[in-house]
Amino acid sequence: MSEWYLAEVAPQSERKVAFALSLAGFAVFLPMESDWGKTRGKIDKSKLVYSPRLPGYIFVLIDEAYVDEKRRTQFRQVLETEGVMRFLDCIDEHGECRPFPIPAAVVIGMQADERAGAYDLTVGPMKPAPYRPKKGERVKVIAGPYLTYIGKVIAAPKKNRVKVALEDGREPMLKVSQVASAH
């Protein structure tokens, strides 16, 4: 019988370690999530980025069908792989620190979630970009003392305020959150 163990790896080396362990004959699972990249603080929908779901960790399947010495050799082989720091461990009933096996149901559940797209952050509701009225745009006032008035933006928004020429001739400075497009 084989069991999954969680290996802690050096920062940003999850893929390299997973590849090296795969080449060494180990079954590994590195759950990944996808999201849009960012360029200067803005979401860039042209750049899809994949990143580890559990940064700094990968799952490694250790075969327990062998005698205990073979199992120790497998643990040692994983630990000797460049980038692997240690296994997630616990203290057993004899007071010894041993690697802690991860229930197979947990790993299988994560694999199923990944295949089902649960870690795909590119779909689903996105927050709309904040409304920024432009000079010359027709707007309606949706809050404040000029509620329901309609006007035209006469000065581009500065910080959080916009100057609007209302139909009755007044030109108040309003918060951007108090206006909406009138189209």
Protein backbone atom coordinates (compact mmCIF):
# COMPACT_ATOMS: atom_id res chain seq x y z
CA MET A 1 0.00 0.00 0.00
CA SER A 2 1.20 3.51 -0.76
CA GLU A 3 0.53 6.71 1.15
CA TRP A 4 0.70 10.37 0.27
CA TYR A 5 3.02 12.66 2.18
CA LEU A 6 3.33 16.42 2.01
CA ALA A 7 6.86 17.65 1.31
CA GLU A 8 7.85 21.23 2.06
CA VAL A 9 9.97 22.70 -0.72
CA ALA A 10 12.03 25.85 -1.22
CA PRO A 11 10.02 28.94 -2.20
CA GLN A 12 8.99 29.01 -5.86
CA SER A 13 10.58 25.64 -6.63
CA GLU A 14 7.45 23.48 -6.55
CA ARG A 15 7.44 22.73 -10.30
CA LYS A 16 11.16 22.00 -10.46
CA VAL A 17 10.96 19.61 -7.48
CA ALA A 18 7.84 17.89 -8.84
CA PHE A 19 9.60 17.37 -12.18
CA ALA A 20 12.75 16.00 -10.52
CA LEU A 21 10.77 13.60 -8.34
CA SER A 22 8.74 12.43 -11.34
CA LEU A 23 11.96 11.69 -13.20
CA ALA A 24 13.12 9.70 -10.16
CA GLY A 25 10.00 7.51 -10.46
CA PHE A 26 7.80 9.05 -7.75
CA ALA A 27 4.14 9.85 -8.21
CA VAL A 28 3.65 13.50 -7.28
CA PHE A 29 0.68 15.84 -7.15
CA LEU A 30 1.13 19.58 -7.39
CA PRO A 31 -2.31 21.21 -7.31
CA MET A 32 -2.32 24.29 -9.54
CA GLU A 33 -4.72 27.20 -9.89
CA SER A 34 -5.09 29.47 -12.89
CA ASP A 35 -5.76 33.18 -12.85
CA TRP A 36 -5.26 36.24 -15.01
CA GLY A 37 -1.86 37.87 -14.67
CA LYS A 38 -1.35 41.40 -13.46
CA THR A 39 0.46 44.21 -15.19
CA ARG A 40 1.18 47.25 -13.06
CA GLY A 41 -1.64 46.43 -10.66
CA LYS A 42 -4.21 45.89 -13.44
CA ILE A 43 -5.66 42.53 -14.45
CA ASP A 44 -4.22 41.47 -17.80
CA LYS A 45 -6.65 39.07 -19.51
CA SER A 46 -4.11 38.27 -22.20
CA LYS A 47 -1.80 36.62 -19.68
CA LEU A 48 -2.94 33.37 -18.06
CA VAL A 49 -0.85 32.44 -15.01
CA TYR A 50 -0.66 29.07 -13.27
CA SER A 51 0.50 28.99 -9.67
CA PRO A 52 0.64 26.34 -6.93
CA ARG A 53 -2.54 26.00 -4.90
CA LEU A 54 -0.43 25.22 -1.80
CA PRO A 55 2.70 27.35 -2.24
CA GLY A 56 5.77 25.68 -0.78
CA TYR A 57 4.32 22.13 -0.74
CA ILE A 58 3.91 19.12 -3.02
CA PHE A 59 2.32 15.72 -2.42
CA VAL A 60 4.58 12.69 -2.88
CA LEU A 61 3.38 9.07 -3.00
CA ILE A 62 5.66 6.79 -0.97
CA ASP A 63 5.31 3.07 -1.54
CA GLU A 64 4.85 1.12 1.67
CA ALA A 65 4.69 -2.27 -0.01
CA TYR A 66 8.41 -2.64 0.54
CA VAL A 67 10.10 -3.53 3.79
CA ASP A 68 10.72 -0.65 6.19
CA GLU A 69 14.30 -0.14 4.99
CA LYS A 70 13.14 0.41 1.40
CA ARG A 71 10.57 2.92 2.65
CA ARG A 72 13.25 4.81 4.59
CA THR A 73 15.32 4.84 1.41
CA GLN A 74 12.43 6.43 -0.49
CA PHE A 75 12.02 9.13 2.18
CA ARG A 76 15.75 9.77 2.08
CA GLN A 77 15.72 9.92 -1.73
CA VAL A 78 12.95 12.54 -1.66
CA LEU A 79 14.76 14.55 1.02
CA GLU A 80 17.97 14.46 -1.00
CA THR A 81 16.21 15.97 -4.03
CA GLU A 82 17.32 19.56 -4.60
CA GLY A 83 14.70 21.96 -3.27
CA VAL A 84 13.04 19.57 -0.80
CA MET A 85 13.37 20.86 2.75
CA ARG A 86 11.41 18.38 4.88
CA PHE A 87 8.22 16.38 5.19
CA LEU A 88 5.18 17.53 7.13
CA ASP A 89 5.62 15.46 10.27
CA CYS A 90 4.20 14.65 13.65
CA ILE A 91 5.25 12.86 16.80
CA ASP A 92 4.05 9.26 16.95
CA GLU A 93 2.97 7.18 19.95
CA HIS A 94 6.62 6.33 20.70
CA GLY A 95 7.61 10.00 20.90
CA GLU A 96 9.44 9.91 17.56
CA CYS A 97 9.04 12.54 14.88
CA ARG A 98 7.79 10.82 11.72
CA PRO A 99 6.40 12.00 8.39
CA PHE A 100 2.64 12.37 8.62
CA PRO A 101 0.65 10.48 5.95
CA ILE A 102 -2.07 12.49 4.21
CA PRO A 103 -5.34 10.55 3.78
CA ALA A 104 -5.77 9.42 0.18
CA ALA A 105 -9.31 10.81 0.19
CA VAL A 106 -7.92 14.33 0.70
CA VAL A 107 -5.55 14.06 -2.26
CA ILE A 108 -8.13 12.35 -4.48
CA GLY A 109 -10.65 15.06 -3.58
CA MET A 110 -8.17 17.81 -4.51
CA GLN A 111 -7.36 16.06 -7.79
CA ALA A 112 -11.09 15.82 -8.59
CA ASP A 113 -11.61 19.48 -7.69
CA GLU A 114 -8.71 20.51 -9.93
CA ARG A 115 -10.07 18.47 -12.86
CA ALA A 116 -13.54 19.95 -12.30
CA GLY A 117 -12.13 23.47 -12.58
CA ALA A 118 -12.55 24.47 -8.93
CA TYR A 119 -9.10 26.09 -8.97
CA ASP A 120 -9.71 28.02 -12.20
CA LEU A 121 -10.02 31.60 -10.99
CA THR A 122 -10.46 32.99 -14.52
CA VAL A 123 -14.16 32.13 -14.59
CA GLY A 124 -17.00 33.30 -12.43
CA PRO A 125 -18.00 36.70 -11.24
CA MET A 126 -15.45 39.44 -11.56
CA LYS A 127 -15.66 42.80 -9.93
CA PRO A 128 -16.54 45.37 -12.57
CA ALA A 129 -14.12 48.19 -13.12
CA PRO A 130 -15.14 51.32 -11.20
CA TYR A 131 -17.16 53.80 -13.24
CA ARG A 132 -15.11 56.78 -14.42
CA PRO A 133 -17.17 59.38 -16.33
CA LYS A 134 -15.42 61.15 -19.21
CA LYS A 135 -15.53 64.82 -20.17
CA GLY A 136 -18.58 65.52 -22.34
CA GLU A 137 -20.43 62.39 -21.18
CA ARG A 138 -24.11 62.67 -20.29
CA VAL A 139 -24.73 61.50 -16.69
CA LYS A 140 -27.55 61.22 -14.21
CA VAL A 141 -27.16 61.91 -10.52
CA ILE A 142 -27.97 58.78 -8.49
CA ALA A 143 -27.26 60.04 -4.97
CA GLY A 144 -27.03 63.23 -2.94
CA PRO A 145 -28.92 66.53 -3.08
CA TYR A 146 -29.16 66.52 -6.90
CA LEU A 147 -30.74 63.05 -7.06
CA THR A 148 -32.46 62.39 -10.44
CA TYR A 149 -30.87 65.45 -12.13
CA ILE A 150 -29.27 64.93 -15.54
CA GLY A 151 -26.23 66.79 -16.76
CA LYS A 152 -23.01 66.74 -18.72
CA VAL A 153 -19.49 66.22 -17.40
CA ILE A 154 -17.57 69.46 -17.93
CA ALA A 155 -14.32 68.52 -16.21
CA ALA A 156 -12.60 65.17 -16.23
CA PRO A 157 -12.69 63.41 -12.86
CA LYS A 158 -9.96 64.42 -10.43
CA LYS A 159 -9.38 61.98 -7.63
CA ASN A 160 -12.91 61.02 -6.57
CA ARG A 161 -14.83 64.09 -7.85
CA VAL A 162 -16.33 65.26 -11.13
CA LYS A 163 -17.77 68.65 -12.21
CA VAL A 164 -21.20 68.35 -13.85
CA ALA A 165 -23.26 70.99 -15.71
CA LEU A 166 -26.85 70.22 -14.71
CA GLU A 167 -29.81 71.03 -16.96
CA ASP A 168 -30.91 73.83 -14.58
CA GLY A 169 -27.57 75.65 -15.04
CA ARG A 170 -25.85 74.66 -11.80
CA GLU A 171 -22.33 73.17 -11.95
CA PRO A 172 -21.72 71.21 -8.74
CA MET A 173 -18.67 69.09 -7.94
CA LEU A 174 -19.99 65.61 -7.20
CA LYS A 175 -18.43 62.39 -6.04
CA VAL A 176 -17.90 59.92 -8.87
CA SER A 177 -20.02 57.44 -6.89
CA GLN A 178 -22.97 59.89 -7.12
CA VAL A 179 -23.23 59.75 -10.92
CA ALA A 180 -23.95 57.08 -13.53
CA SER A 181 -24.05 57.05 -17.31
CA ALA A 182 -27.35 58.46 -18.64
CA HIS A 183 -27.24 56.40 -21.83
